[in-house]
Amino acid sequence: MGWISGIVVFLMIWWVTLFTVLPWGNRPSSSPQEGNMQSAPDLPRLGKKFLVTTLISCLLWVVVYGLIASNVISFHDMAAKMAEQDNLMESPQ
């Protein structure tokens, strides 16, 4: 996996993880401020959630990188098999 694809994979993992972590620990305010929704949390703790998201994403990225680097997941083999199937479908019978 190259640098650019590694960064893209990390960002995809980070965003999915962020949307998983965002609802953790949210409790609606007992007395919401004027103009806020009643369901808006008192303390969203976004900094902590971004840190947790980054740590989880780093761990998941290392796992994905290990699977790709050890050829457990081989995109080249998958592409070759798909091309072979396409060639079989195109050949006259």
C-alpha atoms as a PDB file:
ATOM      1  CA  MET A   1       0.000   0.000   0.000  1.00  0.00           C
ATOM      2  CA  GLY A   2       1.416   3.366  -1.014  1.00  0.00           C
ATOM      3  CA  TRP A   3       1.380   6.598   0.984  1.00  0.00           C
ATOM      4  CA  ILE A   4      -1.649   8.086  -0.731  1.00  0.00           C
ATOM      5  CA  SER A   5      -3.777   4.948  -0.504  1.00  0.00           C
ATOM      6  CA  GLY A   6      -2.680   4.507   3.131  1.00  0.00           C
ATOM      7  CA  ILE A   7      -3.839   8.024   3.962  1.00  0.00           C
ATOM      8  CA  VAL A   8      -7.131   7.518   2.116  1.00  0.00           C
ATOM      9  CA  VAL A   9      -7.774   4.248   3.973  1.00  0.00           C
ATOM     10  CA  PHE A  10      -6.936   5.927   7.299  1.00  0.00           C
ATOM     11  CA  LEU A  11      -9.326   8.817   6.605  1.00  0.00           C
ATOM     12  CA  MET A  12     -12.124   6.440   5.666  1.00  0.00           C
ATOM     13  CA  ILE A  13     -11.575   4.428   8.850  1.00  0.00           C
ATOM     14  CA  TRP A  14     -11.372   7.666  10.895  1.00  0.00           C
ATOM     15  CA  TRP A  15     -14.706   9.032   9.624  1.00  0.00           C
ATOM     16  CA  VAL A  16     -16.572   5.757  10.161  1.00  0.00           C
ATOM     17  CA  THR A  17     -15.071   5.495  13.648  1.00  0.00           C
ATOM     18  CA  LEU A  18     -15.978   9.122  14.431  1.00  0.00           C
ATOM     19  CA  PHE A  19     -19.640   8.511  13.641  1.00  0.00           C
ATOM     20  CA  THR A  20     -19.494   5.452  15.896  1.00  0.00           C
ATOM     21  CA  VAL A  21     -17.864   7.345  18.793  1.00  0.00           C
ATOM     22  CA  LEU A  22     -19.902  10.589  18.644  1.00  0.00           C
ATOM     23  CA  PRO A  23     -22.962   9.323  20.553  1.00  0.00           C
ATOM     24  CA  TRP A  24     -20.897   7.865  23.435  1.00  0.00           C
ATOM     25  CA  GLY A  25     -21.745   9.478  26.763  1.00  0.00           C
ATOM     26  CA  ASN A  26     -24.146  12.115  25.423  1.00  0.00           C
ATOM     27  CA  ARG A  27     -26.894  13.149  27.797  1.00  0.00           C
ATOM     28  CA  PRO A  28     -29.415  15.850  26.937  1.00  0.00           C
ATOM     29  CA  SER A  29     -29.339  19.048  28.925  1.00  0.00           C
ATOM     30  CA  SER A  30     -31.832  19.267  31.779  1.00  0.00           C
ATOM     31  CA  SER A  31     -32.291  23.000  31.111  1.00  0.00           C
ATOM     32  CA  PRO A  32     -31.436  23.821  27.475  1.00  0.00           C
ATOM     33  CA  GLN A  33     -30.367  27.335  26.530  1.00  0.00           C
ATOM     34  CA  GLU A  34     -32.630  29.470  24.401  1.00  0.00           C
ATOM     35  CA  GLY A  35     -32.195  28.559  20.731  1.00  0.00           C
ATOM     36  CA  ASN A  36     -30.755  25.081  21.415  1.00  0.00           C
ATOM     37  CA  MET A  37     -32.575  21.852  20.742  1.00  0.00           C
ATOM     38  CA  GLN A  38     -33.758  20.025  23.841  1.00  0.00           C
ATOM     39  CA  SER A  39     -31.741  16.975  22.776  1.00  0.00           C
ATOM     40  CA  ALA A  40     -28.449  18.939  22.535  1.00  0.00           C
ATOM     41  CA  PRO A  41     -25.899  17.458  24.960  1.00  0.00           C
ATOM     42  CA  ASP A  42     -24.582  19.464  27.915  1.00  0.00           C
ATOM     43  CA  LEU A  43     -20.948  18.432  27.475  1.00  0.00           C
ATOM     44  CA  PRO A  44     -20.279  16.939  24.033  1.00  0.00           C
ATOM     45  CA  ARG A  45     -16.561  16.328  24.876  1.00  0.00           C
ATOM     46  CA  LEU A  46     -15.555  16.578  21.216  1.00  0.00           C
ATOM     47  CA  GLY A  47     -11.814  16.815  21.927  1.00  0.00           C
ATOM     48  CA  LYS A  48     -11.877  13.568  23.886  1.00  0.00           C
ATOM     49  CA  LYS A  49     -13.986  11.905  21.188  1.00  0.00           C
ATOM     50  CA  PHE A  50     -11.574  13.036  18.447  1.00  0.00           C
ATOM     51  CA  LEU A  51      -8.677  11.595  20.447  1.00  0.00           C
ATOM     52  CA  VAL A  52     -10.469   8.277  21.021  1.00  0.00           C
ATOM     53  CA  THR A  53     -11.446   8.191  17.335  1.00  0.00           C
ATOM     54  CA  THR A  54      -7.841   8.742  16.284  1.00  0.00           C
ATOM     55  CA  LEU A  55      -6.510   6.028  18.606  1.00  0.00           C
ATOM     56  CA  ILE A  56      -9.088   3.461  17.487  1.00  0.00           C
ATOM     57  CA  SER A  57      -8.508   4.412  13.830  1.00  0.00           C
ATOM     58  CA  CYS A  58      -4.745   3.953  14.204  1.00  0.00           C
ATOM     59  CA  LEU A  59      -5.257   0.461  15.617  1.00  0.00           C
ATOM     60  CA  LEU A  60      -7.718  -0.486  12.875  1.00  0.00           C
ATOM     61  CA  TRP A  61      -5.420   0.947  10.182  1.00  0.00           C
ATOM     62  CA  VAL A  62      -2.499  -1.138  11.468  1.00  0.00           C
ATOM     63  CA  VAL A  63      -4.694  -4.261  11.234  1.00  0.00           C
ATOM     64  CA  VAL A  64      -5.814  -3.392   7.678  1.00  0.00           C
ATOM     65  CA  TYR A  65      -2.234  -2.572   6.651  1.00  0.00           C
ATOM     66  CA  GLY A  66      -1.021  -5.874   8.094  1.00  0.00           C
ATOM     67  CA  LEU A  67      -3.675  -7.817   6.186  1.00  0.00           C
ATOM     68  CA  ILE A  68      -2.771  -6.090   2.931  1.00  0.00           C
ATOM     69  CA  ALA A  69       1.024  -6.272   3.435  1.00  0.00           C
ATOM     70  CA  SER A  70       0.914  -9.991   4.289  1.00  0.00           C
ATOM     71  CA  ASN A  71      -1.217 -10.706   1.194  1.00  0.00           C
ATOM     72  CA  VAL A  72      -4.109 -12.059   3.244  1.00  0.00           C
ATOM     73  CA  ILE A  73      -6.087  -9.509   1.252  1.00  0.00           C
ATOM     74  CA  SER A  74      -4.631  -9.216  -2.243  1.00  0.00           C
ATOM     75  CA  PHE A  75      -6.318  -6.694  -4.466  1.00  0.00           C
ATOM     76  CA  HIS A  76      -4.111  -7.722  -7.389  1.00  0.00           C
ATOM     77  CA  ASP A  77      -5.345 -11.325  -7.150  1.00  0.00           C
ATOM     78  CA  MET A  78      -8.945 -10.140  -6.864  1.00  0.00           C
ATOM     79  CA  ALA A  79      -8.557  -7.959  -9.948  1.00  0.00           C
ATOM     80  CA  ALA A  80      -6.939 -10.825 -11.900  1.00  0.00           C
ATOM     81  CA  LYS A  81      -9.807 -13.175 -11.005  1.00  0.00           C
ATOM     82  CA  MET A  82     -12.384 -10.572 -11.998  1.00  0.00           C
ATOM     83  CA  ALA A  83     -10.610 -10.001 -15.335  1.00  0.00           C
ATOM     84  CA  GLU A  84     -10.499 -13.756 -15.912  1.00  0.00           C
ATOM     85  CA  GLN A  85     -14.229 -14.004 -15.268  1.00  0.00           C
ATOM     86  CA  ASP A  86     -14.870 -11.105 -17.646  1.00  0.00           C
ATOM     87  CA  ASN A  87     -12.809 -12.831 -20.352  1.00  0.00           C
ATOM     88  CA  LEU A  88     -14.764 -16.054 -19.900  1.00  0.00           C
ATOM     89  CA  MET A  89     -18.059 -14.184 -20.250  1.00  0.00           C
ATOM     90  CA  GLU A  90     -16.901 -12.362 -23.409  1.00  0.00           C
ATOM     91  CA  SER A  91     -15.546 -15.423 -25.237  1.00  0.00           C
ATOM     92  CA  PRO A  92     -17.973 -17.013 -27.735  1.00  0.00           C
ATOM     93  CA  GLN A  93     -19.361 -20.370 -26.764  1.00  0.00           C
END
